[in-house]
Amino acid sequence: MIIPQSSFYSASAQTSQGITIAESDASSPIHLNKKVFSWTDRVYITIYAPDFNSDPNIIDEIGVTTDDKITVSTSGNSIPYRLVETGPNTGIFSGYVTLTGDPSLKGPTGVDGQGTNPTGIISTCNPTCGPTNGFLPASRNDGITVSFEYTRDRVVTGSGLIRWNVGNVQWLQPSYPVNGPAVVQITDPDMSLNPDAINKFDTNVWSDSDSGGIKLTMTETGPGTGIFQGTLYFTSDLSSAGGRLHVSPGDTVTAEYTDTTLPLPHSPSDQVRLIATTTAGTIIPPLEQTPASNPRVLDSAGNSLDRINVDQQIQIVSDVTNQENKEQPFAYLVQIQDSNGITLSLSWITGSIVPKQTLNLGQSWLPTTAGTYTAQIFVWQSITNPNALSPPLSLPIQVLPR
């Protein structure tokens, strides 16, 4: 049977053997389910060939004779293949091939450091494989090509790339309750070594309170998804064991993933360490961690002042509360500006405040000239690290002549 050339391809090239190869593009009858595959992916093949719908009442096949030969290939490997019609009288033929990786790329250490590797097997076909039992080895920088010789000396092809991927690790929430479950997710298609199975591997998780941490089993969410999740339990009362991690309120908890299957320009022996963090306990927005409130002016004995005179020593005071469940270093700054916005005084104190504690902090100032002034109050992490722990406060001060 002859299929119209215009329905198959828009460009062609002549080989030294005189076979015309039609280049795969949008007009090609051969379609793969992806443009880029991982080295152990499943490749779904569809060929639109209505002229091979020889009997409208049965499900036809292609790839079973010398007049409709199909070959599926990766670098240095190929198998003859057959596809079956998707239904009577559709003229659409389909099947899939499973890529099996190359165990020699990682050697004895494997992809997980524990010797786990893909199989790298290739199907033995007699005379053809398919439509779903084909296995082909694939490297980290490879390609897959499906060729269909639809009439003598005329071939069309469809192809896709095979590449390693950079993985990703994340917690599903920015914080988790102490004494409750938490979920880590790692996405890396290169670790889905068998698309028919639920694949697993271990990763490291630790907390500020337990730097040794635990080994957490990551389980694929479904066959061939390349998405792995692990659930662990935070505990403040028990030591770490199994899927349980000891934490204290406010701890940073870290999950680590070492990706050993990296795309070019990395070499097969390269690896990269990826981490993600979450918090044990409620996350407090930065400006609510150690807020200052109730700004006021007191005399040197701590009494409130209704009138401030020149050359009178005063205290600029506010209440600072640590809202977190951990000790918080701080710097408390007071800046005095005149009515023109010129800074006349800048002073500070530093210290540390325990969880849930409130301190009454103040800095002294001696006004030497009558006028209107503004006291600005800041709470920072430190003098050298001016990350604000509280919104700034502003307090007008009227100084009267003596």
Protein backbone atom coordinates (compact mmCIF):
# COMPACT_ATOMS: atom_id res chain seq x y z
CA MET A 1 0.00 0.00 0.00
CA ILE A 2 1.18 3.52 -0.73
CA ILE A 3 0.53 6.39 1.65
CA PRO A 4 0.53 9.90 0.14
CA GLN A 5 3.92 11.48 0.79
CA SER A 6 2.38 14.87 1.56
CA SER A 7 0.58 13.43 4.57
CA PHE A 8 3.84 12.20 6.10
CA TYR A 9 6.57 14.80 5.90
CA SER A 10 7.66 18.18 4.62
CA ALA A 11 11.38 17.49 4.11
CA SER A 12 13.39 14.44 3.03
CA ALA A 13 16.97 13.30 2.46
CA GLN A 14 18.52 10.54 0.33
CA THR A 15 20.85 8.05 2.08
CA SER A 16 23.85 6.35 0.44
CA GLN A 17 21.72 3.22 0.12
CA GLY A 18 19.08 5.12 -1.84
CA ILE A 19 16.45 5.10 0.94
CA THR A 20 14.45 8.30 1.33
CA ILE A 21 14.27 9.43 4.99
CA ALA A 22 11.45 11.82 5.84
CA GLU A 23 12.43 14.14 8.69
CA SER A 24 10.07 14.19 11.70
CA ASP A 25 8.16 17.38 12.30
CA ALA A 26 4.61 18.48 13.06
CA SER A 27 3.41 17.00 9.78
CA SER A 28 4.97 13.59 10.44
CA PRO A 29 2.58 10.71 11.09
CA ILE A 30 4.82 9.51 13.95
CA HIS A 31 4.19 11.15 17.31
CA LEU A 32 5.82 10.51 20.71
CA ASN A 33 4.15 11.55 23.96
CA LYS A 34 7.06 13.85 24.95
CA LYS A 35 9.85 15.83 23.38
CA VAL A 36 12.31 15.02 26.19
CA PHE A 37 12.43 11.75 28.14
CA SER A 38 14.37 10.58 31.18
CA TRP A 39 16.70 7.59 30.79
CA THR A 40 14.15 5.14 32.27
CA ASP A 41 10.99 6.71 30.87
CA ARG A 42 8.13 5.06 29.02
CA VAL A 43 7.85 6.22 25.41
CA TYR A 44 4.36 6.10 23.91
CA ILE A 45 4.33 5.85 20.11
CA THR A 46 1.48 6.77 17.79
CA ILE A 47 1.55 6.39 14.00
CA TYR A 48 -1.23 7.77 11.82
CA ALA A 49 -1.39 5.42 8.85
CA PRO A 50 -4.95 5.22 7.44
CA ASP A 51 -3.81 3.34 4.33
CA PHE A 52 -2.79 0.42 6.55
CA ASN A 53 -6.33 0.06 7.86
CA SER A 54 -6.74 -2.94 5.60
CA ASP A 55 -9.91 -4.33 7.16
CA PRO A 56 -12.46 -1.94 8.76
CA ASN A 57 -13.89 -4.78 10.85
CA ILE A 58 -10.75 -5.89 12.66
CA ILE A 59 -7.82 -4.38 14.58
CA ASP A 60 -4.90 -4.23 12.15
CA GLU A 61 -1.15 -4.24 12.88
CA ILE A 62 1.87 -2.58 11.33
CA GLY A 63 5.52 -3.51 11.64
CA VAL A 64 4.95 -7.20 10.93
CA THR A 65 6.02 -7.38 7.27
CA THR A 66 8.86 -6.08 5.15
CA ASP A 67 6.42 -3.59 3.61
CA ASP A 68 5.59 -1.84 6.90
CA LYS A 69 8.77 -2.27 8.96
CA ILE A 70 9.13 -0.29 12.22
CA THR A 71 12.41 0.14 14.10
CA VAL A 72 12.86 1.80 17.50
CA SER A 73 16.39 2.91 18.34
CA THR A 74 18.58 4.60 20.93
CA SER A 75 22.35 5.11 20.61
CA GLY A 76 23.82 1.76 19.60
CA ASN A 77 20.62 -0.17 20.28
CA SER A 78 17.54 -0.94 18.17
CA ILE A 79 14.66 -3.38 18.07
CA PRO A 80 12.11 -4.23 15.36
CA TYR A 81 8.65 -3.28 16.52
CA ARG A 82 4.99 -3.71 15.77
CA LEU A 83 2.08 -1.44 16.68
CA VAL A 84 -1.62 -2.26 16.83
CA GLU A 85 -4.62 -0.25 15.68
CA THR A 86 -6.38 1.64 18.46
CA GLY A 87 -9.70 0.24 17.29
CA PRO A 88 -11.40 -1.17 14.19
CA ASN A 89 -11.19 1.22 11.24
CA THR A 90 -9.27 4.03 13.05
CA GLY A 91 -6.07 3.89 10.98
CA ILE A 92 -4.18 4.94 14.13
CA PHE A 93 -1.56 2.55 15.50
CA SER A 94 0.00 2.70 18.95
CA GLY A 95 2.22 1.03 21.52
CA TYR A 96 5.02 1.88 23.90
CA VAL A 97 8.68 1.14 24.57
CA THR A 98 10.33 1.24 28.01
CA LEU A 99 13.76 2.83 28.37
CA THR A 100 15.99 0.91 30.78
CA GLY A 101 18.90 3.29 31.40
CA ASP A 102 22.58 2.34 31.55
CA PRO A 103 23.91 0.86 34.83
CA SER A 104 27.53 1.47 33.82
CA LEU A 105 27.12 5.25 34.08
CA LYS A 106 27.02 5.23 37.91
CA GLY A 107 28.81 1.93 38.51
CA PRO A 108 28.87 0.15 41.90
CA THR A 109 27.75 3.24 43.86
CA GLY A 110 24.51 3.45 41.90
CA VAL A 111 22.22 6.45 41.68
CA ASP A 112 21.64 6.51 45.45
CA GLY A 113 25.11 5.67 46.76
CA GLN A 114 23.80 2.23 47.80
CA GLY A 115 24.30 0.39 44.51
CA THR A 116 20.81 0.92 43.04
CA ASN A 117 20.92 1.15 39.24
CA PRO A 118 18.60 0.74 36.23
CA THR A 119 18.64 -2.62 34.47
CA GLY A 120 19.95 -1.51 31.06
CA ILE A 121 18.28 -4.53 29.42
CA ILE A 122 17.31 -4.77 25.75
CA SER A 123 14.51 -6.93 24.39
CA THR A 124 15.18 -10.03 22.32
CA CYS A 125 12.71 -9.91 19.44
CA ASN A 126 11.78 -12.86 17.23
CA PRO A 127 10.92 -11.59 14.73
CA THR A 128 9.47 -8.40 16.26
CA CYS A 129 8.66 -6.92 19.68
CA GLY A 130 5.65 -4.88 20.61
CA PRO A 131 3.32 -3.34 21.02
CA THR A 132 4.12 -2.98 24.77
CA ASN A 133 6.98 -5.36 25.62
CA GLY A 134 9.94 -3.47 24.16
CA PHE A 135 12.96 -2.55 26.32
CA LEU A 136 15.82 -0.31 25.18
CA PRO A 137 18.94 0.87 27.06
CA ALA A 138 19.50 4.63 27.12
CA SER A 139 22.30 6.89 28.29
CA ARG A 140 22.11 10.28 30.02
CA ASN A 141 22.56 12.25 26.77
CA ASP A 142 20.78 10.18 24.17
CA GLY A 143 17.85 10.16 21.79
CA ILE A 144 15.11 7.80 20.71
CA THR A 145 14.05 7.40 17.09
CA VAL A 146 11.10 5.54 15.62
CA SER A 147 11.37 4.81 11.90
CA PHE A 148 8.52 3.50 9.75
CA GLU A 149 9.29 2.09 6.31
CA TYR A 150 5.81 2.43 4.88
CA THR A 151 6.75 1.34 1.38
CA ARG A 152 9.93 -0.01 -0.16
CA ASP A 153 12.78 2.53 0.19
CA ARG A 154 10.59 5.17 1.85
CA VAL A 155 10.91 5.86 5.58
CA VAL A 156 9.47 8.42 7.98
CA THR A 157 10.85 9.03 11.47
CA GLY A 158 9.80 10.50 14.79
CA SER A 159 12.27 11.26 17.55
CA GLY A 160 12.77 12.67 21.04
CA LEU A 161 15.65 13.57 23.33
CA ILE A 162 16.78 11.58 26.37
CA ARG A 163 18.32 13.67 29.14
CA TRP A 164 19.11 13.56 32.86
CA ASN A 165 17.35 16.13 35.03
CA VAL A 166 18.20 18.37 37.99
CA GLY A 167 16.09 17.28 40.95
CA ASN A 168 14.16 19.43 43.40
CA VAL A 169 13.47 19.03 47.13
CA GLN A 170 10.79 20.89 49.09
CA TRP A 171 8.56 20.74 52.14
CA LEU A 172 4.87 20.90 51.29
CA GLN A 173 4.31 23.54 54.02
CA PRO A 174 6.55 26.38 55.30
CA SER A 175 5.93 25.21 58.89
CA TYR A 176 4.47 22.22 60.73
CA PRO A 177 3.13 21.83 64.27
CA VAL A 178 5.45 20.41 66.89
CA ASN A 179 4.29 16.84 67.69
CA GLY A 180 2.68 16.32 64.27
CA PRO A 181 3.37 14.98 60.76
CA ALA A 182 5.40 16.78 58.07
CA VAL A 183 5.89 15.92 54.38
CA VAL A 184 9.02 16.19 52.22
CA GLN A 185 8.72 16.03 48.42
CA ILE A 186 11.54 15.28 45.97
CA THR A 187 11.00 15.50 42.22
CA ASP A 188 13.53 13.72 40.01
CA PRO A 189 12.40 11.62 37.00
CA ASP A 190 15.87 10.03 36.87
CA MET A 191 15.09 8.13 40.10
CA SER A 192 11.98 6.48 38.64
CA LEU A 193 14.08 3.51 37.55
CA ASN A 194 11.15 1.22 36.83
CA PRO A 195 8.01 2.88 35.36
CA ASP A 196 5.96 -0.21 36.27
CA ALA A 197 6.82 -0.02 39.97
CA ILE A 198 6.65 2.33 42.97
CA ASN A 199 10.31 3.30 43.36
CA LYS A 200 11.91 4.26 46.70
CA PHE A 201 15.13 5.73 48.10
CA ASP A 202 16.33 7.29 51.36
CA THR A 203 17.23 10.90 52.11
CA ASN A 204 18.52 12.79 55.18
CA VAL A 205 16.42 15.01 57.47
CA TRP A 206 17.65 16.81 60.62
CA SER A 207 16.67 19.62 63.01
CA ASP A 208 18.43 22.24 65.11
CA SER A 209 17.78 20.03 68.13
CA ASP A 210 19.06 16.85 66.44
CA SER A 211 21.80 17.53 63.91
CA GLY A 212 22.28 13.78 63.36
CA GLY A 213 18.70 13.45 62.17
CA ILE A 214 17.13 10.44 60.50
CA LYS A 215 17.04 8.57 57.20
CA LEU A 216 13.64 9.17 55.61
CA THR A 217 12.25 6.78 52.99
CA MET A 218 10.98 8.62 49.92
CA THR A 219 8.23 6.72 48.08
CA GLU A 220 7.09 7.47 44.52
CA THR A 221 3.55 8.82 44.36
CA GLY A 222 2.73 6.44 41.50
CA PRO A 223 4.48 4.31 38.87
CA GLY A 224 6.59 6.51 36.61
CA THR A 225 5.67 9.86 38.18
CA GLY A 226 9.21 10.78 39.27
CA ILE A 227 7.66 12.51 42.33
CA PHE A 228 8.63 11.07 45.71
CA GLN A 229 7.19 11.90 49.13
CA GLY A 230 8.17 11.01 52.66
CA THR A 231 6.18 11.63 55.84
CA LEU A 232 7.93 12.03 59.19
CA TYR A 233 6.67 13.00 62.65
CA PHE A 234 8.01 15.88 64.72
CA THR A 235 8.24 15.19 68.45
CA SER A 236 9.44 17.43 71.26
CA ASP A 237 9.14 14.70 73.91
CA LEU A 238 10.92 11.70 72.38
CA SER A 239 14.29 11.07 70.78
CA SER A 240 14.65 10.59 67.02
CA ALA A 241 14.07 7.07 65.70
CA GLY A 242 12.69 5.57 62.48
CA GLY A 243 10.35 8.15 60.94
CA ARG A 244 10.33 10.30 64.10
CA LEU A 245 12.49 13.43 64.43
CA HIS A 246 13.16 15.25 67.69
CA VAL A 247 12.50 19.00 67.44
CA SER A 248 12.07 22.00 69.70
CA PRO A 249 9.58 24.79 69.03
CA GLY A 250 11.08 27.23 66.53
CA ASP A 251 13.61 24.73 65.13
CA THR A 252 14.66 24.89 61.50
CA VAL A 253 14.25 21.42 59.99
CA THR A 254 16.32 20.57 56.91
CA ALA A 255 15.75 17.93 54.21
CA GLU A 256 18.67 17.02 51.95
CA TYR A 257 18.76 15.38 48.53
CA THR A 258 21.97 14.48 46.73
CA ASP A 259 21.29 14.42 42.99
CA THR A 260 23.83 12.19 41.23
CA THR A 261 22.20 12.22 37.77
CA LEU A 262 22.93 15.68 36.39
CA PRO A 263 22.57 16.92 32.80
CA LEU A 264 25.42 18.28 30.72
CA PRO A 265 27.85 19.93 31.19
CA HIS A 266 28.15 17.80 34.34
CA SER A 267 29.93 14.47 34.13
CA PRO A 268 28.30 11.18 35.26
CA SER A 269 30.42 11.28 38.44
CA ASP A 270 29.24 14.75 39.47
CA GLN A 271 26.65 15.31 42.15
CA VAL A 272 24.90 18.29 43.75
CA ARG A 273 23.55 18.67 47.27
CA LEU A 274 20.05 20.18 47.41
CA ILE A 275 18.36 21.26 50.65
CA ALA A 276 15.00 22.65 51.76
CA THR A 277 13.93 23.91 55.16
CA THR A 278 10.75 24.22 57.19
CA THR A 279 9.96 25.40 60.72
CA ALA A 280 8.78 23.34 63.67
CA GLY A 281 5.99 25.42 65.14
CA THR A 282 4.13 28.49 63.93
CA ILE A 283 5.97 30.94 61.68
CA ILE A 284 5.71 34.53 62.88
CA PRO A 285 6.16 37.28 60.26
CA PRO A 286 9.52 39.07 60.73
CA LEU A 287 8.00 42.36 61.89
CA GLU A 288 5.89 40.54 64.47
CA GLN A 289 8.68 38.48 66.03
CA THR A 290 9.80 41.03 68.62
CA PRO A 291 7.44 44.00 68.36
CA ALA A 292 7.89 47.25 70.27
CA SER A 293 4.83 49.07 71.65
CA ASN A 294 3.64 51.77 74.04
CA PRO A 295 6.34 54.42 73.43
CA ARG A 296 6.52 56.98 76.22
CA VAL A 297 8.71 59.53 77.99
CA LEU A 298 9.71 59.01 81.64
CA ASP A 299 11.91 60.90 84.07
CA SER A 300 15.06 59.39 85.58
CA ALA A 301 12.97 57.86 88.39
CA GLY A 302 10.61 56.14 85.95
CA ASN A 303 7.67 58.52 86.38
CA SER A 304 5.55 59.72 83.48
CA LEU A 305 6.15 63.33 82.41
CA ASP A 306 3.49 65.82 81.42
CA ARG A 307 6.06 68.58 80.87
CA ILE A 308 9.62 68.37 79.54
CA ASN A 309 12.06 71.21 80.14
CA VAL A 310 15.45 72.11 78.72
CA ASP A 311 18.36 70.34 80.49
CA GLN A 312 16.03 67.74 81.97
CA GLN A 313 17.25 64.13 81.69
CA ILE A 314 14.49 61.95 80.16
CA GLN A 315 14.08 58.30 79.16
CA ILE A 316 12.59 57.22 75.79
CA VAL A 317 10.93 53.94 76.76
CA SER A 318 8.86 51.23 75.02
CA ASP A 319 7.81 47.63 75.68
CA VAL A 320 9.50 44.92 73.59
CA THR A 321 8.00 41.39 73.56
CA ASN A 322 9.53 38.21 72.16
CA GLN A 323 6.63 36.42 70.44
CA GLU A 324 8.71 33.42 69.39
CA ASN A 325 9.46 30.16 71.16
CA LYS A 326 13.20 30.71 71.07
CA GLU A 327 15.62 33.24 72.53
CA GLN A 328 15.98 36.33 70.33
CA PRO A 329 19.04 38.61 70.20
CA PHE A 330 18.13 42.25 69.56
CA ALA A 331 19.38 45.82 69.26
CA TYR A 332 17.12 48.61 70.59
CA LEU A 333 17.86 51.97 68.95
CA VAL A 334 16.54 55.46 69.72
CA GLN A 335 17.10 58.32 67.27
CA ILE A 336 16.23 61.94 68.10
CA GLN A 337 15.58 64.42 65.26
CA ASP A 338 14.72 68.12 65.39
CA SER A 339 11.92 69.80 63.47
CA ASN A 340 14.14 70.02 60.36
CA GLY A 341 14.77 66.26 60.33
CA ILE A 342 18.37 66.63 61.53
CA THR A 343 19.54 63.79 63.77
CA LEU A 344 20.77 65.10 67.13
CA SER A 345 21.22 61.82 68.98
CA LEU A 346 21.48 58.10 68.17
CA SER A 347 21.96 55.55 70.93
CA TRP A 348 21.29 51.87 71.41
CA ILE A 349 21.44 48.89 73.69
CA THR A 350 21.81 45.23 72.74
CA GLY A 351 20.78 42.07 74.48
CA SER A 352 18.76 38.90 74.25
CA ILE A 353 15.17 38.22 75.22
CA VAL A 354 13.81 34.81 76.21
CA PRO A 355 10.63 33.34 74.68
CA LYS A 356 7.40 35.19 75.50
CA GLN A 357 9.23 37.72 77.70
CA THR A 358 8.45 41.47 77.66
CA LEU A 359 11.18 43.99 78.46
CA ASN A 360 10.78 47.71 79.21
CA LEU A 361 13.66 49.23 77.27
CA GLY A 362 14.73 52.85 77.28
CA GLN A 363 17.50 55.22 76.25
CA SER A 364 18.21 58.55 77.93
CA TRP A 365 18.39 61.97 76.29
CA LEU A 366 19.15 65.44 77.62
CA PRO A 367 17.51 68.23 75.54
CA THR A 368 19.56 71.45 75.57
CA THR A 369 17.27 73.64 73.45
CA ALA A 370 13.53 74.24 73.53
CA GLY A 371 11.59 73.06 70.49
CA THR A 372 9.70 70.22 68.85
CA TYR A 373 11.52 66.90 68.43
CA THR A 374 10.74 63.38 67.24
CA ALA A 375 12.02 60.19 68.86
CA GLN A 376 12.19 57.19 66.51
CA ILE A 377 12.48 53.70 68.01
CA PHE A 378 13.86 50.68 66.09
CA VAL A 379 14.26 47.02 67.06
CA TRP A 380 16.81 45.15 64.93
CA GLN A 381 18.45 41.75 65.07
CA SER A 382 21.76 43.46 65.80
CA ILE A 383 23.71 46.62 65.00
CA THR A 384 25.61 44.80 62.24
CA ASN A 385 22.49 42.95 61.01
CA PRO A 386 19.78 45.62 60.73
CA ASN A 387 16.92 43.24 59.93
CA ALA A 388 13.86 44.76 61.56
CA LEU A 389 12.07 42.69 64.23
CA SER A 390 9.39 45.35 64.73
CA PRO A 391 7.84 48.22 62.79
CA PRO A 392 9.54 51.49 63.82
CA LEU A 393 7.77 53.67 66.39
CA SER A 394 7.60 57.47 66.38
CA LEU A 395 7.03 59.69 69.44
CA PRO A 396 6.72 63.53 69.29
CA ILE A 397 8.47 65.41 72.12
CA GLN A 398 7.84 69.06 73.04
CA VAL A 399 10.68 70.65 75.07
CA LEU A 400 9.85 73.87 76.92
CA PRO A 401 12.19 76.59 78.17
CA ARG A 402 13.06 76.45 81.86
